[in-house]
């Protein structure tokens, strides 16, 4: 991956997070993102990258919480407060997947 690709990936992530800050359930959240297929392999790849980002931040928070004597719940809630758009995108996607699975089993 070139630096140009990395900068384009970062721009896509920032665009999605900015959109999610307004409405994480917006059906157009991932629309009109040039290069998403090439750089992420599509929406699923972008969501994996966002989930990876969340996990990296959470691991750091958990390590910090252990040092400072805080609970894992406190660490999670602190990160959710610091990264509300990221958490909202992941939660909205999880809700969509759950609804889709529920509908599939109801048939």
PDB file of N, CA and C in Angstrom:
ATOM      1  N   UNK A   1       0.849  -1.169   0.000  1.00  0.00           N
ATOM      2  CA  UNK A   1       0.000   0.000   0.000  1.00  0.00           C
ATOM      3  C   UNK A   1       0.902   1.242   0.000  1.00  0.00           C
ATOM      4  N   UNK A   2       0.534   2.173  -0.838  1.00  0.00           N
ATOM      5  CA  UNK A   2       1.309   3.413  -0.925  1.00  0.00           C
ATOM      6  C   UNK A   2       0.798   4.415   0.107  1.00  0.00           C
ATOM      7  N   UNK A   3       1.573   5.483   0.286  1.00  0.00           N
ATOM      8  CA  UNK A   3       1.135   6.541   1.189  1.00  0.00           C
ATOM      9  C   UNK A   3      -0.151   7.180   0.676  1.00  0.00           C
ATOM     10  N   UNK A   4      -0.256   7.292  -0.634  1.00  0.00           N
ATOM     11  CA  UNK A   4      -1.478   7.847  -1.225  1.00  0.00           C
ATOM     12  C   UNK A   4      -2.678   6.979  -0.859  1.00  0.00           C
ATOM     13  N   UNK A   5      -2.518   5.663  -0.977  1.00  0.00           N
ATOM     14  CA  UNK A   5      -3.597   4.748  -0.597  1.00  0.00           C
ATOM     15  C   UNK A   5      -3.947   4.909   0.884  1.00  0.00           C
ATOM     16  N   UNK A   6      -2.923   5.002   1.708  1.00  0.00           N
ATOM     17  CA  UNK A   6      -3.163   5.155   3.149  1.00  0.00           C
ATOM     18  C   UNK A   6      -3.929   6.441   3.447  1.00  0.00           C
ATOM     19  N   UNK A   7      -3.553   7.510   2.791  1.00  0.00           N
ATOM     20  CA  UNK A   7      -4.253   8.784   2.998  1.00  0.00           C
ATOM     21  C   UNK A   7      -5.702   8.700   2.497  1.00  0.00           C
ATOM     22  N   UNK A   8      -5.911   8.005   1.393  1.00  0.00           N
ATOM     23  CA  UNK A   8      -7.271   7.841   0.879  1.00  0.00           C
ATOM     24  C   UNK A   8      -8.108   6.983   1.824  1.00  0.00           C
ATOM     25  N   UNK A   9      -7.510   5.932   2.380  1.00  0.00           N
ATOM     26  CA  UNK A   9      -8.219   5.095   3.357  1.00  0.00           C
ATOM     27  C   UNK A   9      -8.609   5.927   4.581  1.00  0.00           C
ATOM     28  N   UNK A  10      -7.668   6.726   5.058  1.00  0.00           N
ATOM     29  CA  UNK A  10      -7.937   7.585   6.214  1.00  0.00           C
ATOM     30  C   UNK A  10      -9.061   8.568   5.904  1.00  0.00           C
ATOM     31  N   UNK A  11      -9.057   9.128   4.707  1.00  0.00           N
ATOM     32  CA  UNK A  11     -10.099  10.076   4.318  1.00  0.00           C
ATOM     33  C   UNK A  11     -11.473   9.400   4.284  1.00  0.00           C
ATOM     34  N   UNK A  12     -11.521   8.177   3.805  1.00  0.00           N
ATOM     35  CA  UNK A  12     -12.788   7.442   3.773  1.00  0.00           C
ATOM     36  C   UNK A  12     -13.283   7.186   5.187  1.00  0.00           C
ATOM     37  N   UNK A  13     -12.400   6.737   6.061  1.00  0.00           N
ATOM     38  CA  UNK A  13     -12.784   6.481   7.458  1.00  0.00           C
ATOM     39  C   UNK A  13     -13.297   7.764   8.099  1.00  0.00           C
ATOM     40  N   UNK A  14     -12.591   8.857   7.906  1.00  0.00           N
ATOM     41  CA  UNK A  14     -13.009  10.130   8.495  1.00  0.00           C
ATOM     42  C   UNK A  14     -14.360  10.591   7.942  1.00  0.00           C
ATOM     43  N   UNK A  15     -14.587  10.379   6.651  1.00  0.00           N
ATOM     44  CA  UNK A  15     -15.875  10.742   6.043  1.00  0.00           C
ATOM     45  C   UNK A  15     -17.009   9.940   6.664  1.00  0.00           C
ATOM     46  N   UNK A  16     -16.803   8.636   6.800  1.00  0.00           N
ATOM     47  CA  UNK A  16     -17.843   7.787   7.393  1.00  0.00           C
ATOM     48  C   UNK A  16     -18.105   8.192   8.835  1.00  0.00           C
ATOM     49  N   UNK A  17     -17.064   8.466   9.598  1.00  0.00           N
ATOM     50  CA  UNK A  17     -17.250   8.858  10.995  1.00  0.00           C
ATOM     51  C   UNK A  17     -17.946  10.220  11.105  1.00  0.00           C
ATOM     52  N   UNK A  18     -17.631  11.132  10.197  1.00  0.00           N
ATOM     53  CA  UNK A  18     -18.316  12.434  10.200  1.00  0.00           C
ATOM     54  C   UNK A  18     -19.793  12.265   9.867  1.00  0.00           C
ATOM     55  N   UNK A  19     -20.091  11.411   8.906  1.00  0.00           N
ATOM     56  CA  UNK A  19     -21.486  11.139   8.570  1.00  0.00           C
ATOM     57  C   UNK A  19     -22.197  10.456   9.739  1.00  0.00           C
ATOM     58  N   UNK A  20     -21.510   9.524  10.377  1.00  0.00           N
ATOM     59  CA  UNK A  20     -22.101   8.788  11.499  1.00  0.00           C
ATOM     60  C   UNK A  20     -22.373   9.694  12.683  1.00  0.00           C
ATOM     61  N   UNK A  21     -21.567  10.729  12.835  1.00  0.00           N
ATOM     62  CA  UNK A  21     -21.798  11.677  13.928  1.00  0.00           C
ATOM     63  C   UNK A  21     -23.141  12.385  13.748  1.00  0.00           C
ATOM     64  N   UNK A  22     -23.580  12.513  12.512  1.00  0.00           N
ATOM     65  CA  UNK A  22     -24.873  13.131  12.213  1.00  0.00           C
ATOM     66  C   UNK A  22     -25.989  12.091  12.335  1.00  0.00           C
ATOM     67  N   UNK A  23     -25.818  10.929  11.671  1.00  0.00           N
ATOM     68  CA  UNK A  23     -26.824   9.869  11.715  1.00  0.00           C
ATOM     69  C   UNK A  23     -26.176   8.533  11.368  1.00  0.00           C
ATOM     70  N   UNK A  24     -25.852   7.724  12.382  1.00  0.00           N
ATOM     71  CA  UNK A  24     -25.196   6.443  12.115  1.00  0.00           C
ATOM     72  C   UNK A  24     -26.092   5.433  11.395  1.00  0.00           C
ATOM     73  N   UNK A  25     -27.384   5.697  11.342  1.00  0.00           N
ATOM     74  CA  UNK A  25     -28.322   4.803  10.655  1.00  0.00           C
ATOM     75  C   UNK A  25     -28.660   5.263   9.244  1.00  0.00           C
ATOM     76  N   UNK A  26     -28.019   6.322   8.790  1.00  0.00           N
ATOM     77  CA  UNK A  26     -28.259   6.850   7.455  1.00  0.00           C
ATOM     78  C   UNK A  26     -27.946   5.785   6.413  1.00  0.00           C
ATOM     79  N   UNK A  27     -28.906   5.455   5.540  1.00  0.00           N
ATOM     80  CA  UNK A  27     -28.650   4.448   4.514  1.00  0.00           C
ATOM     81  C   UNK A  27     -27.527   4.854   3.557  1.00  0.00           C
ATOM     82  N   UNK A  28     -27.229   6.140   3.469  1.00  0.00           N
ATOM     83  CA  UNK A  28     -26.169   6.617   2.585  1.00  0.00           C
ATOM     84  C   UNK A  28     -24.821   6.752   3.266  1.00  0.00           C
ATOM     85  N   UNK A  29     -24.691   6.163   4.430  1.00  0.00           N
ATOM     86  CA  UNK A  29     -23.459   6.287   5.218  1.00  0.00           C
ATOM     87  C   UNK A  29     -22.218   5.893   4.415  1.00  0.00           C
ATOM     88  N   UNK A  30     -22.353   4.868   3.595  1.00  0.00           N
ATOM     89  CA  UNK A  30     -21.205   4.354   2.833  1.00  0.00           C
ATOM     90  C   UNK A  30     -21.297   4.681   1.343  1.00  0.00           C
ATOM     91  N   UNK A  31     -22.224   5.548   0.969  1.00  0.00           N
ATOM     92  CA  UNK A  31     -22.426   5.880  -0.447  1.00  0.00           C
ATOM     93  C   UNK A  31     -21.427   6.926  -0.922  1.00  0.00           C
ATOM     94  N   UNK A  32     -21.070   6.825  -2.184  1.00  0.00           N
ATOM     95  CA  UNK A  32     -20.250   7.848  -2.819  1.00  0.00           C
ATOM     96  C   UNK A  32     -18.848   7.972  -2.253  1.00  0.00           C
ATOM     97  N   UNK A  33     -18.287   6.865  -1.814  1.00  0.00           N
ATOM     98  CA  UNK A  33     -16.920   6.882  -1.273  1.00  0.00           C
ATOM     99  C   UNK A  33     -15.967   6.345  -2.340  1.00  0.00           C
ATOM    100  N   UNK A  34     -15.305   7.235  -3.061  1.00  0.00           N
ATOM    101  CA  UNK A  34     -14.432   6.775  -4.143  1.00  0.00           C
ATOM    102  C   UNK A  34     -13.286   5.923  -3.611  1.00  0.00           C
ATOM    103  N   UNK A  35     -13.103   4.780  -4.238  1.00  0.00           N
ATOM    104  CA  UNK A  35     -11.998   3.907  -3.871  1.00  0.00           C
ATOM    105  C   UNK A  35     -12.319   2.903  -2.792  1.00  0.00           C
ATOM    106  N   UNK A  36     -13.547   2.875  -2.283  1.00  0.00           N
ATOM    107  CA  UNK A  36     -13.862   1.961  -1.179  1.00  0.00           C
ATOM    108  C   UNK A  36     -13.653   0.498  -1.580  1.00  0.00           C
ATOM    109  N   UNK A  37     -14.010   0.160  -2.803  1.00  0.00           N
ATOM    110  CA  UNK A  37     -13.829  -1.227  -3.244  1.00  0.00           C
ATOM    111  C   UNK A  37     -12.346  -1.567  -3.392  1.00  0.00           C
ATOM    112  N   UNK A  38     -11.594  -0.665  -3.987  1.00  0.00           N
ATOM    113  CA  UNK A  38     -10.168  -0.922  -4.203  1.00  0.00           C
ATOM    114  C   UNK A  38      -9.386  -0.911  -2.892  1.00  0.00           C
ATOM    115  N   UNK A  39      -9.723   0.022  -2.001  1.00  0.00           N
ATOM    116  CA  UNK A  39      -8.932   0.212  -0.788  1.00  0.00           C
ATOM    117  C   UNK A  39      -9.371  -0.667   0.380  1.00  0.00           C
ATOM    118  N   UNK A  40     -10.644  -1.046   0.404  1.00  0.00           N
ATOM    119  CA  UNK A  40     -11.163  -1.837   1.520  1.00  0.00           C
ATOM    120  C   UNK A  40     -11.809  -3.149   1.079  1.00  0.00           C
ATOM    121  N   UNK A  41     -12.016  -3.306  -0.223  1.00  0.00           N
ATOM    122  CA  UNK A  41     -12.733  -4.484  -0.697  1.00  0.00           C
ATOM    123  C   UNK A  41     -14.231  -4.347  -0.521  1.00  0.00           C
ATOM    124  N   UNK A  42     -14.708  -3.126  -0.327  1.00  0.00           N
ATOM    125  CA  UNK A  42     -16.131  -2.869  -0.171  1.00  0.00           C
ATOM    126  C   UNK A  42     -16.487  -2.451   1.244  1.00  0.00           C
ATOM    127  N   UNK A  43     -17.787  -2.347   1.487  1.00  0.00           N
ATOM    128  CA  UNK A  43     -18.285  -1.887   2.781  1.00  0.00           C
ATOM    129  C   UNK A  43     -17.883  -2.831   3.905  1.00  0.00           C
ATOM    130  N   UNK A  44     -17.961  -4.133   3.664  1.00  0.00           N
ATOM    131  CA  UNK A  44     -17.597  -5.085   4.718  1.00  0.00           C
ATOM    132  C   UNK A  44     -16.140  -4.913   5.152  1.00  0.00           C
ATOM    133  N   UNK A  45     -15.260  -4.669   4.199  1.00  0.00           N
ATOM    134  CA  UNK A  45     -13.858  -4.437   4.535  1.00  0.00           C
ATOM    135  C   UNK A  45     -13.663  -3.157   5.331  1.00  0.00           C
ATOM    136  N   UNK A  46     -14.419  -2.128   4.977  1.00  0.00           N
ATOM    137  CA  UNK A  46     -14.359  -0.871   5.734  1.00  0.00           C
ATOM    138  C   UNK A  46     -14.863  -1.090   7.161  1.00  0.00           C
ATOM    139  N   UNK A  47     -15.941  -1.840   7.293  1.00  0.00           N
ATOM    140  CA  UNK A  47     -16.457  -2.133   8.636  1.00  0.00           C
ATOM    141  C   UNK A  47     -15.449  -2.945   9.449  1.00  0.00           C
ATOM    142  N   UNK A  48     -14.757  -3.856   8.812  1.00  0.00           N
ATOM    143  CA  UNK A  48     -13.710  -4.605   9.505  1.00  0.00           C
ATOM    144  C   UNK A  48     -12.602  -3.669   9.972  1.00  0.00           C
ATOM    145  N   UNK A  49     -12.241  -2.710   9.138  1.00  0.00           N
ATOM    146  CA  UNK A  49     -11.214  -1.735   9.518  1.00  0.00           C
ATOM    147  C   UNK A  49     -11.683  -0.886  10.700  1.00  0.00           C
ATOM    148  N   UNK A  50     -12.965  -0.505  10.700  1.00  0.00           N
ATOM    149  CA  UNK A  50     -13.505   0.273  11.817  1.00  0.00           C
ATOM    150  C   UNK A  50     -13.537  -0.555  13.094  1.00  0.00           C
ATOM    151  N   UNK A  51     -13.899  -1.821  12.971  1.00  0.00           N
ATOM    152  CA  UNK A  51     -13.918  -2.706  14.127  1.00  0.00           C
ATOM    153  C   UNK A  51     -12.493  -2.909  14.665  1.00  0.00           C
ATOM    154  N   UNK A  52     -11.531  -3.049  13.776  1.00  0.00           N
ATOM    155  CA  UNK A  52     -10.126  -3.184  14.161  1.00  0.00           C
ATOM    156  C   UNK A  52      -9.661  -1.927  14.906  1.00  0.00           C
ATOM    157  N   UNK A  53     -10.064  -0.775  14.399  1.00  0.00           N
ATOM    158  CA  UNK A  53      -9.728   0.499  15.046  1.00  0.00           C
ATOM    159  C   UNK A  53     -10.296   0.538  16.465  1.00  0.00           C
ATOM    160  N   UNK A  54     -11.589   0.157  16.597  1.00  0.00           N
ATOM    161  CA  UNK A  54     -12.222   0.123  17.916  1.00  0.00           C
ATOM    162  C   UNK A  54     -11.455  -0.813  18.853  1.00  0.00           C
ATOM    163  N   UNK A  55     -11.135  -2.000  18.384  1.00  0.00           N
ATOM    164  CA  UNK A  55     -10.439  -2.978  19.223  1.00  0.00           C
ATOM    165  C   UNK A  55      -9.063  -2.486  19.648  1.00  0.00           C
ATOM    166  N   UNK A  56      -8.351  -1.818  18.764  1.00  0.00           N
ATOM    167  CA  UNK A  56      -7.039  -1.275  19.133  1.00  0.00           C
ATOM    168  C   UNK A  56      -7.162  -0.236  20.241  1.00  0.00           C
ATOM    169  N   UNK A  57      -8.133   0.650  20.094  1.00  0.00           N
ATOM    170  CA  UNK A  57      -8.354   1.682  21.115  1.00  0.00           C
ATOM    171  C   UNK A  57      -8.809   1.037  22.429  1.00  0.00           C
ATOM    172  N   UNK A  58      -9.665   0.036  22.329  1.00  0.00           N
ATOM    173  CA  UNK A  58     -10.162  -0.627  23.534  1.00  0.00           C
ATOM    174  C   UNK A  58      -9.038  -1.351  24.265  1.00  0.00           C
ATOM    175  N   UNK A  59      -8.181  -2.035  23.533  1.00  0.00           N
ATOM    176  CA  UNK A  59      -7.041  -2.711  24.180  1.00  0.00           C
ATOM    177  C   UNK A  59      -6.188  -1.721  24.954  1.00  0.00           C
ATOM    178  N   UNK A  60      -5.933  -0.570  24.350  1.00  0.00           N
ATOM    179  CA  UNK A  60      -5.142   0.462  25.034  1.00  0.00           C
ATOM    180  C   UNK A  60      -5.866   0.960  26.285  1.00  0.00           C
ATOM    181  N   UNK A  61      -7.177   1.169  26.172  1.00  0.00           N
ATOM    182  CA  UNK A  61      -7.967   1.620  27.326  1.00  0.00           C
ATOM    183  C   UNK A  61      -7.962   0.579  28.441  1.00  0.00           C
ATOM    184  N   UNK A  62      -8.055  -0.681  28.067  1.00  0.00           N
ATOM    185  CA  UNK A  62      -8.066  -1.747  29.075  1.00  0.00           C
ATOM    186  C   UNK A  62      -6.724  -1.844  29.798  1.00  0.00           C
ATOM    187  N   UNK A  63      -5.642  -1.688  29.061  1.00  0.00           N
ATOM    188  CA  UNK A  63      -4.317  -1.687  29.687  1.00  0.00           C
ATOM    189  C   UNK A  63      -4.186  -0.507  30.646  1.00  0.00           C
ATOM    190  N   UNK A  64      -4.638   0.648  30.212  1.00  0.00           N
ATOM    191  CA  UNK A  64      -4.593   1.844  31.050  1.00  0.00           C
ATOM    192  C   UNK A  64      -5.475   1.664  32.284  1.00  0.00           C
ATOM    193  N   UNK A  65      -6.637   1.081  32.114  1.00  0.00           N
ATOM    194  CA  UNK A  65      -7.563   0.861  33.229  1.00  0.00           C
ATOM    195  C   UNK A  65      -6.946  -0.070  34.265  1.00  0.00           C
ATOM    196  N   UNK A  66      -6.274  -1.082  33.792  1.00  0.00           N
ATOM    197  CA  UNK A  66      -5.627  -2.018  34.723  1.00  0.00           C
ATOM    198  C   UNK A  66      -4.568  -1.298  35.555  1.00  0.00           C
ATOM    199  N   UNK A  67      -3.782  -0.462  34.925  1.00  0.00           N
ATOM    200  CA  UNK A  67      -2.740   0.292  35.625  1.00  0.00           C
ATOM    201  C   UNK A  67      -3.350   1.255  36.641  1.00  0.00           C
ATOM    202  N   UNK A  68      -4.458   1.886  36.246  1.00  0.00           N
ATOM    203  CA  UNK A  68      -5.078   2.905  37.097  1.00  0.00           C
ATOM    204  C   UNK A  68      -6.112   2.341  38.066  1.00  0.00           C
ATOM    205  N   UNK A  69      -6.353   1.034  37.997  1.00  0.00           N
ATOM    206  CA  UNK A  69      -7.304   0.419  38.919  1.00  0.00           C
ATOM    207  C   UNK A  69      -8.763   0.637  38.567  1.00  0.00           C
ATOM    208  N   UNK A  70      -9.038   0.880  37.287  1.00  0.00           N
ATOM    209  CA  UNK A  70     -10.416   1.055  36.838  1.00  0.00           C
ATOM    210  C   UNK A  70     -10.947  -0.266  36.292  1.00  0.00           C
ATOM    211  N   UNK A  71     -12.257  -0.370  36.195  1.00  0.00           N
ATOM    212  CA  UNK A  71     -12.865  -1.599  35.695  1.00  0.00           C
ATOM    213  C   UNK A  71     -12.880  -1.603  34.168  1.00  0.00           C
ATOM    214  N   UNK A  72     -13.118  -2.787  33.618  1.00  0.00           N
ATOM    215  CA  UNK A  72     -13.228  -2.906  32.166  1.00  0.00           C
ATOM    216  C   UNK A  72     -14.451  -2.146  31.654  1.00  0.00           C
ATOM    217  N   UNK A  73     -15.508  -2.140  32.437  1.00  0.00           N
ATOM    218  CA  UNK A  73     -16.714  -1.399  32.044  1.00  0.00           C
ATOM    219  C   UNK A  73     -16.410   0.088  31.979  1.00  0.00           C
ATOM    220  N   UNK A  74     -15.683   0.598  32.960  1.00  0.00           N
ATOM    221  CA  UNK A  74     -15.310   2.015  32.946  1.00  0.00           C
ATOM    222  C   UNK A  74     -14.467   2.341  31.712  1.00  0.00           C
ATOM    223  N   UNK A  75     -13.553   1.445  31.377  1.00  0.00           N
ATOM    224  CA  UNK A  75     -12.704   1.661  30.206  1.00  0.00           C
ATOM    225  C   UNK A  75     -13.542   1.683  28.931  1.00  0.00           C
ATOM    226  N   UNK A  76     -14.461   0.738  28.821  1.00  0.00           N
ATOM    227  CA  UNK A  76     -15.333   0.665  27.655  1.00  0.00           C
ATOM    228  C   UNK A  76     -16.176   1.936  27.530  1.00  0.00           C
ATOM    229  N   UNK A  77     -16.793   2.336  28.619  1.00  0.00           N
ATOM    230  CA  UNK A  77     -17.646   3.525  28.600  1.00  0.00           C
ATOM    231  C   UNK A  77     -16.848   4.790  28.298  1.00  0.00           C
ATOM    232  N   UNK A  78     -15.644   4.862  28.798  1.00  0.00           N
ATOM    233  CA  UNK A  78     -14.787   6.014  28.509  1.00  0.00           C
ATOM    234  C   UNK A  78     -14.482   6.078  27.018  1.00  0.00           C
ATOM    235  N   UNK A  79     -14.140   4.939  26.426  1.00  0.00           N
ATOM    236  CA  UNK A  79     -13.850   4.913  24.997  1.00  0.00           C
ATOM    237  C   UNK A  79     -15.104   5.234  24.180  1.00  0.00           C
ATOM    238  N   UNK A  80     -16.231   4.695  24.582  1.00  0.00           N
ATOM    239  CA  UNK A  80     -17.482   4.989  23.868  1.00  0.00           C
ATOM    240  C   UNK A  80     -17.789   6.488  23.900  1.00  0.00           C
ATOM    241  N   UNK A  81     -17.468   7.141  25.009  1.00  0.00           N
ATOM    242  CA  UNK A  81     -17.677   8.587  25.117  1.00  0.00           C
ATOM    243  C   UNK A  81     -16.678   9.358  24.249  1.00  0.00           C
ATOM    244  N   UNK A  82     -15.466   8.837  24.124  1.00  0.00           N
ATOM    245  CA  UNK A  82     -14.434   9.491  23.321  1.00  0.00           C
ATOM    246  C   UNK A  82     -14.635   9.261  21.824  1.00  0.00           C
ATOM    247  N   UNK A  83     -15.218   8.127  21.465  1.00  0.00           N
ATOM    248  CA  UNK A  83     -15.377   7.745  20.060  1.00  0.00           C
ATOM    249  C   UNK A  83     -16.849   7.431  19.753  1.00  0.00           C
ATOM    250  N   UNK A  84     -17.760   8.391  19.992  1.00  0.00           N
ATOM    251  CA  UNK A  84     -19.183   8.079  19.841  1.00  0.00           C
ATOM    252  C   UNK A  84     -19.594   7.709  18.413  1.00  0.00           C
ATOM    253  N   UNK A  85     -19.012   8.352  17.419  1.00  0.00           N
ATOM    254  CA  UNK A  85     -19.383   8.043  16.034  1.00  0.00           C
ATOM    255  C   UNK A  85     -18.924   6.646  15.644  1.00  0.00           C
ATOM    256  N   UNK A  86     -17.722   6.285  16.038  1.00  0.00           N
ATOM    257  CA  UNK A  86     -17.214   4.947  15.743  1.00  0.00           C
ATOM    258  C   UNK A  86     -18.084   3.889  16.406  1.00  0.00           C
ATOM    259  N   UNK A  87     -18.397   4.082  17.679  1.00  0.00           N
ATOM    260  CA  UNK A  87     -19.237   3.121  18.392  1.00  0.00           C
ATOM    261  C   UNK A  87     -20.621   3.053  17.759  1.00  0.00           C
ATOM    262  N   UNK A  88     -21.150   4.202  17.336  1.00  0.00           N
ATOM    263  CA  UNK A  88     -22.480   4.242  16.735  1.00  0.00           C
ATOM    264  C   UNK A  88     -22.525   3.486  15.408  1.00  0.00           C
ATOM    265  N   UNK A  89     -21.490   3.615  14.583  1.00  0.00           N
ATOM    266  CA  UNK A  89     -21.438   2.879  13.310  1.00  0.00           C
ATOM    267  C   UNK A  89     -21.452   1.380  13.587  1.00  0.00           C
ATOM    268  N   UNK A  90     -20.617   0.947  14.510  1.00  0.00           N
ATOM    269  CA  UNK A  90     -20.536  -0.484  14.808  1.00  0.00           C
ATOM    270  C   UNK A  90     -21.833  -0.999  15.418  1.00  0.00           C
ATOM    271  N   UNK A  91     -22.434  -0.222  16.295  1.00  0.00           N
ATOM    272  CA  UNK A  91     -23.708  -0.631  16.901  1.00  0.00           C
ATOM    273  C   UNK A  91     -24.825  -0.681  15.869  1.00  0.00           C
ATOM    274  N   UNK A  92     -24.870   0.310  14.986  1.00  0.00           N
ATOM    275  CA  UNK A  92     -25.904   0.341  13.950  1.00  0.00           C
ATOM    276  C   UNK A  92     -25.761  -0.849  13.015  1.00  0.00           C
ATOM    277  N   UNK A  93     -24.533  -1.185  12.685  1.00  0.00           N
ATOM    278  CA  UNK A  93     -24.295  -2.340  11.799  1.00  0.00           C
ATOM    279  C   UNK A  93     -24.688  -3.641  12.493  1.00  0.00           C
ATOM    280  N   UNK A  94     -24.354  -3.752  13.779  1.00  0.00           N
ATOM    281  CA  UNK A  94     -24.727  -4.950  14.532  1.00  0.00           C
ATOM    282  C   UNK A  94     -26.241  -5.087  14.602  1.00  0.00           C
ATOM    283  N   UNK A  95     -26.941  -3.987  14.784  1.00  0.00           N
ATOM    284  CA  UNK A  95     -28.401  -4.015  14.837  1.00  0.00           C
ATOM    285  C   UNK A  95     -28.976  -4.428  13.487  1.00  0.00           C
ATOM    286  N   UNK A  96     -28.388  -3.941  12.401  1.00  0.00           N
ATOM    287  CA  UNK A  96     -28.845  -4.303  11.055  1.00  0.00           C
ATOM    288  C   UNK A  96     -28.636  -5.787  10.799  1.00  0.00           C
ATOM    289  N   UNK A  97     -27.486  -6.301  11.181  1.00  0.00           N
ATOM    290  CA  UNK A  97     -27.191  -7.725  10.988  1.00  0.00           C
ATOM    291  C   UNK A  97     -28.151  -8.572  11.819  1.00  0.00           C
ATOM    292  N   UNK A  98     -28.403  -8.166  13.050  1.00  0.00           N
ATOM    293  CA  UNK A  98     -29.312  -8.912  13.919  1.00  0.00           C
ATOM    294  C   UNK A  98     -30.727  -8.915  13.354  1.00  0.00           C
ATOM    295  N   UNK A  99     -31.184  -7.773  12.865  1.00  0.00           N
ATOM    296  CA  UNK A  99     -32.527  -7.684  12.274  1.00  0.00           C
ATOM    297  C   UNK A  99     -32.626  -8.577  11.045  1.00  0.00           C
ATOM    298  N   UNK A 100     -31.595  -8.577  10.225  1.00  0.00           N
ATOM    299  CA  UNK A 100     -31.577  -9.413   9.026  1.00  0.00           C
ATOM    300  C   UNK A 100     -31.626 -10.882   9.407  1.00  0.00           C
ATOM    301  N   UNK A 101     -30.854 -11.290  10.401  1.00  0.00           N
ATOM    302  CA  UNK A 101     -30.859 -12.685  10.842  1.00  0.00           C
ATOM    303  C   UNK A 101     -32.213 -13.073  11.407  1.00  0.00           C
ATOM    304  N   UNK A 102     -32.804 -12.203  12.194  1.00  0.00           N
ATOM    305  CA  UNK A 102     -34.120 -12.477  12.792  1.00  0.00           C
ATOM    306  C   UNK A 102     -35.162 -12.670  11.686  1.00  0.00           C
ATOM    307  N   UNK A 103     -35.139 -11.821  10.690  1.00  0.00           N
ATOM    308  CA  UNK A 103     -36.091 -11.934   9.570  1.00  0.00           C
ATOM    309  C   UNK A 103     -35.873 -13.232   8.809  1.00  0.00           C
ATOM    310  N   UNK A 104     -34.629 -13.622   8.621  1.00  0.00           N
ATOM    311  CA  UNK A 104     -34.315 -14.846   7.876  1.00  0.00           C
ATOM    312  C   UNK A 104     -34.847 -16.072   8.613  1.00  0.00           C
ATOM    313  N   UNK A 105     -34.732 -16.082   9.934  1.00  0.00           N
ATOM    314  CA  UNK A 105     -35.208 -17.223  10.723  1.00  0.00           C
ATOM    315  C   UNK A 105     -36.729 -17.217  10.856  1.00  0.00           C
ATOM    316  N   UNK A 106     -37.353 -16.074  10.708  1.00  0.00           N
ATOM    317  CA  UNK A 106     -38.810 -15.974  10.866  1.00  0.00           C
ATOM    318  C   UNK A 106     -39.541 -16.515   9.639  1.00  0.00           C
ATOM    319  N   UNK A 107     -38.834 -16.666   8.559  1.00  0.00           N
ATOM    320  CA  UNK A 107     -39.481 -17.133   7.324  1.00  0.00           C
ATOM    321  C   UNK A 107     -39.726 -18.587   7.331  1.00  0.00           C
TER     322      UNK A 107
END
